[in-house]
Amino acid sequence: MSTVTRSGDSVPPALRRRWWLAVAFATTVTLATAAALARAFDATAAGRWLLAAVPVAGYQLWFLRRFLGANRPGVSAPPTDPARASRDVSPTLGLANAVTVSRGWLYAAAAGFLLVVPPPQSLWRWGPLVLYGAGAALDAVDGYLARTVGQETELGAKLDMAFDTLGFLAAPLVGVVWGRLPVWYLSLSLARYLFKLGRGWRRRRDKPVYDLPESRVRRPLAGVQMAFITVALCPLVPVSVVWPVAAVVVTPSLLVFARDYLVVAGHLEARASG
């Protein structure tokens, strides 16, 4: 990322105010959720939920603030002229990015249940399912809005990727802690980070890093994982059904991650149709 994108001079004051509104929104709904948990159970449960949810929400807000300067149309490389960069940055987040930020909070709220396991008869047992499922559903909404109203931005692309990755980590972790998912399912979450680490390692070592071509399977497989994780968190679905299905759905995604890394490392020829 360029210095221009990180420069505070390239971020309009109005956009900074939008960030503070996002902070206020996240703070309000987080405290309201903690208060509801305290009423349903006790202050200890609310505190534990906050202990897991706040770091995830805080990271997302930090990520949003760091890349505010990328709130410009398109997903191409930012201009090298600081004056032009400042002019290109939109002073508003836009509806699509607002939906993505809300989706990020839903994933953070789901992560809060890492340290809180409600009793089986409690309606809060449905919390991770509702929160992650809503976030997964909004994954299609923010992209559709960005395309239809002409609000596709570099910032939106960065937020979408970062929040998807966090969601794929937080929800499966909850599933494992609750006994809904096998621990080896976390290999999918690990694969995402290993792919990014491997690509970054090659760049730091001045090794060639090739672009990934468009793929017909990458996005559909991600959708399958989102749907499966949502179903896996449903209290009504037997664990005896979830675990075998987990092996079936995780395998092709892991193979795609391995293939993609071989492509960016130049060990495998890129194919646009793959």
C-alpha atoms as a PDB file:
ATOM      1  CA  MET A   1       0.000   0.000   0.000  1.00  0.00           C
ATOM      2  CA  SER A   2       1.283   3.432  -0.869  1.00  0.00           C
ATOM      3  CA  THR A   3       2.189   6.211   1.522  1.00  0.00           C
ATOM      4  CA  VAL A   4      -0.504   8.362  -0.042  1.00  0.00           C
ATOM      5  CA  THR A   5      -3.250   5.972   0.999  1.00  0.00           C
ATOM      6  CA  ARG A   6      -2.119   6.040   4.627  1.00  0.00           C
ATOM      7  CA  SER A   7      -1.604   9.800   4.741  1.00  0.00           C
ATOM      8  CA  GLY A   8      -4.021  11.687   6.912  1.00  0.00           C
ATOM      9  CA  ASP A   9      -3.856  14.577   4.432  1.00  0.00           C
ATOM     10  CA  SER A  10      -5.640  12.449   1.810  1.00  0.00           C
ATOM     11  CA  VAL A  11      -8.619  11.738   4.097  1.00  0.00           C
ATOM     12  CA  PRO A  12     -11.325  14.424   4.008  1.00  0.00           C
ATOM     13  CA  PRO A  13     -12.498  15.635   7.442  1.00  0.00           C
ATOM     14  CA  ALA A  14     -16.042  14.554   6.572  1.00  0.00           C
ATOM     15  CA  LEU A  15     -14.826  10.998   6.065  1.00  0.00           C
ATOM     16  CA  ARG A  16     -13.052  11.045   9.421  1.00  0.00           C
ATOM     17  CA  ARG A  17     -16.347  12.067  11.001  1.00  0.00           C
ATOM     18  CA  ARG A  18     -18.005   9.079   9.322  1.00  0.00           C
ATOM     19  CA  TRP A  19     -15.383   6.885  10.994  1.00  0.00           C
ATOM     20  CA  TRP A  20     -16.261   8.340  14.384  1.00  0.00           C
ATOM     21  CA  LEU A  21     -19.913   7.583  13.638  1.00  0.00           C
ATOM     22  CA  ALA A  22     -18.896   3.974  12.968  1.00  0.00           C
ATOM     23  CA  VAL A  23     -17.103   3.939  16.331  1.00  0.00           C
ATOM     24  CA  ALA A  24     -20.195   5.334  18.047  1.00  0.00           C
ATOM     25  CA  PHE A  25     -22.419   2.753  16.339  1.00  0.00           C
ATOM     26  CA  ALA A  26     -20.149  -0.165  17.297  1.00  0.00           C
ATOM     27  CA  THR A  27     -19.831   1.066  20.887  1.00  0.00           C
ATOM     28  CA  THR A  28     -23.582   1.516  21.295  1.00  0.00           C
ATOM     29  CA  VAL A  29     -24.653  -1.861  19.934  1.00  0.00           C
ATOM     30  CA  THR A  30     -21.814  -3.650  21.749  1.00  0.00           C
ATOM     31  CA  LEU A  31     -22.784  -2.178  25.122  1.00  0.00           C
ATOM     32  CA  ALA A  32     -26.465  -2.854  24.427  1.00  0.00           C
ATOM     33  CA  THR A  33     -25.705  -6.506  23.656  1.00  0.00           C
ATOM     34  CA  ALA A  34     -23.589  -6.829  26.803  1.00  0.00           C
ATOM     35  CA  ALA A  35     -26.409  -5.313  28.858  1.00  0.00           C
ATOM     36  CA  ALA A  36     -28.874  -7.814  27.379  1.00  0.00           C
ATOM     37  CA  LEU A  37     -26.532 -10.669  28.268  1.00  0.00           C
ATOM     38  CA  ALA A  38     -26.180  -9.336  31.811  1.00  0.00           C
ATOM     39  CA  ARG A  39     -29.963  -9.304  32.205  1.00  0.00           C
ATOM     40  CA  ALA A  40     -30.315 -12.796  30.732  1.00  0.00           C
ATOM     41  CA  PHE A  41     -27.481 -14.302  32.787  1.00  0.00           C
ATOM     42  CA  ASP A  42     -25.152 -12.174  34.897  1.00  0.00           C
ATOM     43  CA  ALA A  43     -22.424  -9.540  34.709  1.00  0.00           C
ATOM     44  CA  THR A  44     -19.749 -12.230  34.418  1.00  0.00           C
ATOM     45  CA  ALA A  45     -21.269 -13.588  31.196  1.00  0.00           C
ATOM     46  CA  ALA A  46     -21.508 -10.062  29.798  1.00  0.00           C
ATOM     47  CA  GLY A  47     -17.889  -9.385  30.726  1.00  0.00           C
ATOM     48  CA  ARG A  48     -16.692 -12.570  29.073  1.00  0.00           C
ATOM     49  CA  TRP A  49     -18.606 -11.756  25.911  1.00  0.00           C
ATOM     50  CA  LEU A  50     -17.044  -8.284  25.849  1.00  0.00           C
ATOM     51  CA  LEU A  51     -13.591  -9.760  26.409  1.00  0.00           C
ATOM     52  CA  ALA A  52     -13.862 -11.748  23.171  1.00  0.00           C
ATOM     53  CA  ALA A  53     -15.960  -9.363  21.057  1.00  0.00           C
ATOM     54  CA  VAL A  54     -14.255  -6.026  21.736  1.00  0.00           C
ATOM     55  CA  PRO A  55     -10.787  -6.947  20.365  1.00  0.00           C
ATOM     56  CA  VAL A  56     -12.353  -8.168  17.116  1.00  0.00           C
ATOM     57  CA  ALA A  57     -14.526  -5.065  16.758  1.00  0.00           C
ATOM     58  CA  GLY A  58     -11.582  -2.859  17.705  1.00  0.00           C
ATOM     59  CA  TYR A  59      -9.388  -4.434  15.044  1.00  0.00           C
ATOM     60  CA  GLN A  60     -12.081  -3.868  12.434  1.00  0.00           C
ATOM     61  CA  LEU A  61     -12.419  -0.193  13.364  1.00  0.00           C
ATOM     62  CA  TRP A  62      -8.638   0.203  13.287  1.00  0.00           C
ATOM     63  CA  PHE A  63      -8.537  -1.455   9.863  1.00  0.00           C
ATOM     64  CA  LEU A  64     -11.253   0.862   8.599  1.00  0.00           C
ATOM     65  CA  ARG A  65      -9.409   3.947   9.899  1.00  0.00           C
ATOM     66  CA  ARG A  66      -6.095   2.817   8.454  1.00  0.00           C
ATOM     67  CA  PHE A  67      -7.495   2.449   4.936  1.00  0.00           C
ATOM     68  CA  LEU A  68      -9.881   5.404   4.813  1.00  0.00           C
ATOM     69  CA  GLY A  69      -7.588   6.960   2.215  1.00  0.00           C
ATOM     70  CA  ALA A  70      -8.494   4.105  -0.142  1.00  0.00           C
ATOM     71  CA  ASN A  71     -12.124   5.252  -0.281  1.00  0.00           C
ATOM     72  CA  ARG A  72     -11.820   6.085  -3.964  1.00  0.00           C
ATOM     73  CA  PRO A  73     -13.669   4.650  -6.976  1.00  0.00           C
ATOM     74  CA  GLY A  74     -12.484   1.396  -8.475  1.00  0.00           C
ATOM     75  CA  VAL A  75     -10.050  -1.192  -7.227  1.00  0.00           C
ATOM     76  CA  SER A  76      -6.966  -0.137  -9.150  1.00  0.00           C
ATOM     77  CA  ALA A  77      -3.688   1.102  -7.667  1.00  0.00           C
ATOM     78  CA  PRO A  78      -3.962   4.542  -6.007  1.00  0.00           C
ATOM     79  CA  PRO A  79      -2.540   7.564  -7.833  1.00  0.00           C
ATOM     80  CA  THR A  80       0.982   8.667  -6.948  1.00  0.00           C
ATOM     81  CA  ASP A  81       0.107  12.369  -6.925  1.00  0.00           C
ATOM     82  CA  PRO A  82      -0.927  13.342  -3.341  1.00  0.00           C
ATOM     83  CA  ALA A  83      -3.108  16.210  -4.556  1.00  0.00           C
ATOM     84  CA  ARG A  84      -4.994  13.943  -6.926  1.00  0.00           C
ATOM     85  CA  ALA A  85      -5.294  11.262  -4.241  1.00  0.00           C
ATOM     86  CA  SER A  86      -6.919  13.760  -1.884  1.00  0.00           C
ATOM     87  CA  ARG A  87      -9.400  14.831  -4.559  1.00  0.00           C
ATOM     88  CA  ASP A  88     -10.308  11.235  -5.465  1.00  0.00           C
ATOM     89  CA  VAL A  89     -11.155  10.142  -1.909  1.00  0.00           C
ATOM     90  CA  SER A  90     -14.908  10.185  -1.334  1.00  0.00           C
ATOM     91  CA  PRO A  91     -16.007  12.131   1.783  1.00  0.00           C
ATOM     92  CA  THR A  92     -18.700   9.557   2.581  1.00  0.00           C
ATOM     93  CA  LEU A  93     -18.462   5.830   3.198  1.00  0.00           C
ATOM     94  CA  GLY A  94     -21.486   5.057   1.070  1.00  0.00           C
ATOM     95  CA  LEU A  95     -24.273   2.570   1.672  1.00  0.00           C
ATOM     96  CA  ALA A  96     -22.298  -0.478   0.514  1.00  0.00           C
ATOM     97  CA  ASN A  97     -19.377   0.193   2.875  1.00  0.00           C
ATOM     98  CA  ALA A  98     -21.807   0.913   5.707  1.00  0.00           C
ATOM     99  CA  VAL A  99     -23.322  -2.540   5.173  1.00  0.00           C
ATOM    100  CA  THR A 100     -19.839  -4.085   5.182  1.00  0.00           C
ATOM    101  CA  VAL A 101     -18.965  -2.315   8.449  1.00  0.00           C
ATOM    102  CA  SER A 102     -22.213  -3.591   9.977  1.00  0.00           C
ATOM    103  CA  ARG A 103     -21.357  -7.082   8.765  1.00  0.00           C
ATOM    104  CA  GLY A 104     -18.010  -6.809  10.493  1.00  0.00           C
ATOM    105  CA  TRP A 105     -19.702  -5.983  13.789  1.00  0.00           C
ATOM    106  CA  LEU A 106     -21.965  -9.036  13.433  1.00  0.00           C
ATOM    107  CA  TYR A 107     -18.874 -11.234  13.120  1.00  0.00           C
ATOM    108  CA  ALA A 108     -17.316  -9.545  16.154  1.00  0.00           C
ATOM    109  CA  ALA A 109     -20.511 -10.151  18.136  1.00  0.00           C
ATOM    110  CA  ALA A 110     -20.458 -13.810  17.100  1.00  0.00           C
ATOM    111  CA  ALA A 111     -16.829 -14.010  18.289  1.00  0.00           C
ATOM    112  CA  GLY A 112     -18.008 -12.892  21.733  1.00  0.00           C
ATOM    113  CA  PHE A 113     -19.539 -16.335  22.243  1.00  0.00           C
ATOM    114  CA  LEU A 114     -16.090 -17.890  22.337  1.00  0.00           C
ATOM    115  CA  LEU A 115     -16.163 -17.292  26.097  1.00  0.00           C
ATOM    116  CA  VAL A 116     -19.912 -17.585  26.687  1.00  0.00           C
ATOM    117  CA  VAL A 117     -21.777 -20.866  26.170  1.00  0.00           C
ATOM    118  CA  PRO A 118     -25.474 -20.415  27.054  1.00  0.00           C
ATOM    119  CA  PRO A 119     -27.426 -23.434  28.321  1.00  0.00           C
ATOM    120  CA  PRO A 120     -29.180 -25.520  25.631  1.00  0.00           C
ATOM    121  CA  GLN A 121     -32.655 -24.252  26.533  1.00  0.00           C
ATOM    122  CA  SER A 122     -31.677 -20.575  26.244  1.00  0.00           C
ATOM    123  CA  LEU A 123     -32.577 -18.526  23.172  1.00  0.00           C
ATOM    124  CA  TRP A 124     -29.032 -17.115  23.357  1.00  0.00           C
ATOM    125  CA  ARG A 125     -27.893 -20.515  22.125  1.00  0.00           C
ATOM    126  CA  TRP A 126     -29.006 -19.251  18.708  1.00  0.00           C
ATOM    127  CA  GLY A 127     -26.816 -16.152  18.990  1.00  0.00           C
ATOM    128  CA  PRO A 128     -23.815 -17.273  16.890  1.00  0.00           C
ATOM    129  CA  LEU A 129     -26.113 -18.702  14.216  1.00  0.00           C
ATOM    130  CA  VAL A 130     -28.145 -15.500  13.912  1.00  0.00           C
ATOM    131  CA  LEU A 131     -25.139 -13.170  14.043  1.00  0.00           C
ATOM    132  CA  TYR A 132     -22.898 -15.054  11.647  1.00  0.00           C
ATOM    133  CA  GLY A 133     -25.786 -16.018   9.367  1.00  0.00           C
ATOM    134  CA  ALA A 134     -26.878 -12.380   9.079  1.00  0.00           C
ATOM    135  CA  GLY A 135     -23.311 -11.312   8.322  1.00  0.00           C
ATOM    136  CA  ALA A 136     -22.965 -14.018   5.677  1.00  0.00           C
ATOM    137  CA  ALA A 137     -26.244 -12.955   4.063  1.00  0.00           C
ATOM    138  CA  LEU A 138     -25.098  -9.330   3.958  1.00  0.00           C
ATOM    139  CA  ASP A 139     -21.931 -10.449   2.153  1.00  0.00           C
ATOM    140  CA  ALA A 140     -23.983 -10.641  -1.034  1.00  0.00           C
ATOM    141  CA  VAL A 141     -25.877  -7.431  -0.281  1.00  0.00           C
ATOM    142  CA  ASP A 142     -22.906  -5.059   0.055  1.00  0.00           C
ATOM    143  CA  GLY A 143     -21.355  -6.236  -3.214  1.00  0.00           C
ATOM    144  CA  TYR A 144     -24.687  -5.905  -5.023  1.00  0.00           C
ATOM    145  CA  LEU A 145     -25.203  -2.405  -3.656  1.00  0.00           C
ATOM    146  CA  ALA A 146     -21.683  -1.334  -4.634  1.00  0.00           C
ATOM    147  CA  ARG A 147     -22.204  -2.495  -8.213  1.00  0.00           C
ATOM    148  CA  THR A 148     -25.731  -1.215  -8.713  1.00  0.00           C
ATOM    149  CA  VAL A 149     -25.277   2.280  -7.240  1.00  0.00           C
ATOM    150  CA  GLY A 150     -21.750   2.741  -8.575  1.00  0.00           C
ATOM    151  CA  GLN A 151     -20.010   2.775  -5.187  1.00  0.00           C
ATOM    152  CA  GLU A 152     -17.267   0.199  -5.807  1.00  0.00           C
ATOM    153  CA  THR A 153     -14.159   1.422  -3.984  1.00  0.00           C
ATOM    154  CA  GLU A 154     -10.700   0.185  -3.060  1.00  0.00           C
ATOM    155  CA  LEU A 155     -11.734   0.547   0.578  1.00  0.00           C
ATOM    156  CA  GLY A 156     -14.782  -1.642   0.039  1.00  0.00           C
ATOM    157  CA  ALA A 157     -12.686  -4.389  -1.537  1.00  0.00           C
ATOM    158  CA  LYS A 158     -10.210  -4.304   1.369  1.00  0.00           C
ATOM    159  CA  LEU A 159     -12.970  -4.340   3.994  1.00  0.00           C
ATOM    160  CA  ASP A 160     -14.790  -7.184   2.273  1.00  0.00           C
ATOM    161  CA  MET A 161     -11.705  -9.391   2.165  1.00  0.00           C
ATOM    162  CA  ALA A 162     -10.553  -8.576   5.711  1.00  0.00           C
ATOM    163  CA  PHE A 163     -13.978  -9.059   7.302  1.00  0.00           C
ATOM    164  CA  ASP A 164     -14.631 -12.263   5.364  1.00  0.00           C
ATOM    165  CA  THR A 165     -11.352 -13.650   6.680  1.00  0.00           C
ATOM    166  CA  LEU A 166     -12.234 -12.673  10.260  1.00  0.00           C
ATOM    167  CA  GLY A 167     -15.666 -14.220   9.924  1.00  0.00           C
ATOM    168  CA  PHE A 168     -14.150 -17.458   8.654  1.00  0.00           C
ATOM    169  CA  LEU A 169     -11.980 -17.496  11.777  1.00  0.00           C
ATOM    170  CA  ALA A 170     -14.385 -16.311  14.477  1.00  0.00           C
ATOM    171  CA  ALA A 171     -17.437 -18.444  13.666  1.00  0.00           C
ATOM    172  CA  PRO A 172     -15.566 -21.766  13.251  1.00  0.00           C
ATOM    173  CA  LEU A 173     -13.717 -21.089  16.514  1.00  0.00           C
ATOM    174  CA  VAL A 174     -17.068 -20.699  18.253  1.00  0.00           C
ATOM    175  CA  GLY A 175     -18.224 -23.904  16.587  1.00  0.00           C
ATOM    176  CA  VAL A 176     -15.168 -25.777  17.874  1.00  0.00           C
ATOM    177  CA  VAL A 177     -15.469 -24.368  21.412  1.00  0.00           C
ATOM    178  CA  TRP A 178     -19.153 -25.307  21.508  1.00  0.00           C
ATOM    179  CA  GLY A 179     -18.412 -28.803  20.168  1.00  0.00           C
ATOM    180  CA  ARG A 180     -20.336 -28.146  16.957  1.00  0.00           C
ATOM    181  CA  LEU A 181     -17.327 -28.403  14.629  1.00  0.00           C
ATOM    182  CA  PRO A 182     -14.216 -30.636  14.665  1.00  0.00           C
ATOM    183  CA  VAL A 183     -10.981 -28.841  15.475  1.00  0.00           C
ATOM    184  CA  TRP A 184      -9.494 -29.831  12.118  1.00  0.00           C
ATOM    185  CA  TYR A 185     -12.089 -27.662  10.378  1.00  0.00           C
ATOM    186  CA  LEU A 186      -9.972 -24.707  11.539  1.00  0.00           C
ATOM    187  CA  SER A 187      -7.473 -25.742   8.858  1.00  0.00           C
ATOM    188  CA  LEU A 188      -9.650 -23.732   6.472  1.00  0.00           C
ATOM    189  CA  SER A 189      -9.235 -20.587   8.567  1.00  0.00           C
ATOM    190  CA  LEU A 190      -5.523 -21.294   8.892  1.00  0.00           C
ATOM    191  CA  ALA A 191      -5.184 -21.760   5.135  1.00  0.00           C
ATOM    192  CA  ARG A 192      -6.393 -18.215   4.480  1.00  0.00           C
ATOM    193  CA  TYR A 193      -3.752 -16.721   6.756  1.00  0.00           C
ATOM    194  CA  LEU A 194      -1.008 -19.056   5.542  1.00  0.00           C
ATOM    195  CA  PHE A 195      -1.766 -18.002   1.972  1.00  0.00           C
ATOM    196  CA  LYS A 196      -1.395 -14.320   2.892  1.00  0.00           C
ATOM    197  CA  LEU A 197       1.736 -14.993   4.950  1.00  0.00           C
ATOM    198  CA  GLY A 198       3.291 -17.002   2.144  1.00  0.00           C
ATOM    199  CA  ARG A 199       2.608 -14.289  -0.401  1.00  0.00           C
ATOM    200  CA  GLY A 200       3.998 -11.623   1.937  1.00  0.00           C
ATOM    201  CA  TRP A 201       7.091 -13.732   2.641  1.00  0.00           C
ATOM    202  CA  ARG A 202       7.804 -13.996  -1.083  1.00  0.00           C
ATOM    203  CA  ARG A 203       7.489 -10.231  -1.490  1.00  0.00           C
ATOM    204  CA  ARG A 204       9.852  -9.540   1.412  1.00  0.00           C
ATOM    205  CA  ARG A 205      12.374 -11.941  -0.098  1.00  0.00           C
ATOM    206  CA  ASP A 206      12.020 -10.214  -3.507  1.00  0.00           C
ATOM    207  CA  LYS A 207      10.662 -13.391  -5.013  1.00  0.00           C
ATOM    208  CA  PRO A 208       8.153 -13.127  -7.870  1.00  0.00           C
ATOM    209  CA  VAL A 209       4.497 -12.975  -6.866  1.00  0.00           C
ATOM    210  CA  TYR A 210       2.037 -13.565  -9.681  1.00  0.00           C
ATOM    211  CA  ASP A 211      -1.545 -12.326  -9.848  1.00  0.00           C
ATOM    212  CA  LEU A 212      -4.413 -14.732  -9.380  1.00  0.00           C
ATOM    213  CA  PRO A 213      -6.722 -14.965 -12.398  1.00  0.00           C
ATOM    214  CA  GLU A 214     -10.481 -14.908 -12.127  1.00  0.00           C
ATOM    215  CA  SER A 215     -11.910 -18.204 -10.909  1.00  0.00           C
ATOM    216  CA  ARG A 216     -15.292 -19.829 -11.369  1.00  0.00           C
ATOM    217  CA  VAL A 217     -14.989 -21.846  -8.161  1.00  0.00           C
ATOM    218  CA  ARG A 218     -13.339 -19.555  -5.597  1.00  0.00           C
ATOM    219  CA  ARG A 219     -16.368 -17.407  -4.735  1.00  0.00           C
ATOM    220  CA  PRO A 220     -18.949 -20.248  -4.882  1.00  0.00           C
ATOM    221  CA  LEU A 221     -16.806 -22.338  -2.542  1.00  0.00           C
ATOM    222  CA  ALA A 222     -16.641 -19.429  -0.095  1.00  0.00           C
ATOM    223  CA  GLY A 223     -20.439 -19.243  -0.251  1.00  0.00           C
ATOM    224  CA  VAL A 224     -20.684 -22.961   0.464  1.00  0.00           C
ATOM    225  CA  GLN A 225     -18.452 -22.542   3.521  1.00  0.00           C
ATOM    226  CA  MET A 226     -20.538 -19.622   4.809  1.00  0.00           C
ATOM    227  CA  ALA A 227     -23.730 -21.644   4.417  1.00  0.00           C
ATOM    228  CA  PHE A 228     -22.184 -24.713   6.050  1.00  0.00           C
ATOM    229  CA  ILE A 229     -20.825 -22.765   9.047  1.00  0.00           C
ATOM    230  CA  THR A 230     -24.253 -21.204   9.544  1.00  0.00           C
ATOM    231  CA  VAL A 231     -25.950 -24.601   9.494  1.00  0.00           C
ATOM    232  CA  ALA A 232     -23.258 -26.093  11.743  1.00  0.00           C
ATOM    233  CA  LEU A 233     -24.041 -23.468  14.393  1.00  0.00           C
ATOM    234  CA  CYS A 234     -27.745 -24.366  14.377  1.00  0.00           C
ATOM    235  CA  PRO A 235     -28.691 -26.084  17.660  1.00  0.00           C
ATOM    236  CA  LEU A 236     -31.242 -28.271  15.868  1.00  0.00           C
ATOM    237  CA  VAL A 237     -28.715 -29.948  13.536  1.00  0.00           C
ATOM    238  CA  PRO A 238     -27.105 -33.019  15.141  1.00  0.00           C
ATOM    239  CA  VAL A 239     -23.340 -32.920  15.557  1.00  0.00           C
ATOM    240  CA  SER A 240     -23.263 -36.449  14.140  1.00  0.00           C
ATOM    241  CA  VAL A 241     -24.396 -34.930  10.832  1.00  0.00           C
ATOM    242  CA  VAL A 242     -22.220 -31.809  10.953  1.00  0.00           C
ATOM    243  CA  TRP A 243     -18.840 -33.523  11.370  1.00  0.00           C
ATOM    244  CA  PRO A 244     -18.990 -35.845   8.313  1.00  0.00           C
ATOM    245  CA  VAL A 245     -20.297 -33.003   6.137  1.00  0.00           C
ATOM    246  CA  ALA A 246     -17.443 -30.811   7.378  1.00  0.00           C
ATOM    247  CA  ALA A 247     -14.926 -33.200   5.833  1.00  0.00           C
ATOM    248  CA  VAL A 248     -16.776 -33.088   2.525  1.00  0.00           C
ATOM    249  CA  VAL A 249     -17.037 -29.302   2.257  1.00  0.00           C
ATOM    250  CA  VAL A 250     -13.593 -28.356   3.615  1.00  0.00           C
ATOM    251  CA  THR A 251     -11.562 -30.534   1.240  1.00  0.00           C
ATOM    252  CA  PRO A 252     -12.184 -28.688  -2.064  1.00  0.00           C
ATOM    253  CA  SER A 253     -11.578 -25.298  -0.425  1.00  0.00           C
ATOM    254  CA  LEU A 254      -8.229 -26.456   0.964  1.00  0.00           C
ATOM    255  CA  LEU A 255      -7.259 -27.751  -2.472  1.00  0.00           C
ATOM    256  CA  VAL A 256      -8.118 -24.389  -4.022  1.00  0.00           C
ATOM    257  CA  PHE A 257      -5.962 -22.555  -1.468  1.00  0.00           C
ATOM    258  CA  ALA A 258      -3.056 -24.874  -2.256  1.00  0.00           C
ATOM    259  CA  ARG A 259      -3.545 -24.382  -5.981  1.00  0.00           C
ATOM    260  CA  ASP A 260      -3.781 -20.592  -5.631  1.00  0.00           C
ATOM    261  CA  TYR A 261      -0.524 -20.440  -3.703  1.00  0.00           C
ATOM    262  CA  LEU A 262       1.219 -22.519  -6.344  1.00  0.00           C
ATOM    263  CA  VAL A 263      -0.080 -20.010  -8.909  1.00  0.00           C
ATOM    264  CA  VAL A 264       1.127 -16.880  -7.079  1.00  0.00           C
ATOM    265  CA  ALA A 265       4.478 -18.580  -6.471  1.00  0.00           C
ATOM    266  CA  GLY A 266       4.826 -19.378 -10.166  1.00  0.00           C
ATOM    267  CA  HIS A 267       4.911 -23.150  -9.686  1.00  0.00           C
ATOM    268  CA  LEU A 268       1.627 -23.633 -11.514  1.00  0.00           C
ATOM    269  CA  GLU A 269       0.373 -21.977 -14.666  1.00  0.00           C
ATOM    270  CA  ALA A 270      -2.546 -19.634 -14.051  1.00  0.00           C
ATOM    271  CA  ARG A 271      -5.804 -20.507 -15.755  1.00  0.00           C
ATOM    272  CA  ALA A 272      -8.631 -18.002 -15.828  1.00  0.00           C
ATOM    273  CA  SER A 273     -11.275 -20.731 -15.916  1.00  0.00           C
ATOM    274  CA  GLY A 274     -10.014 -22.630 -12.858  1.00  0.00           C
END
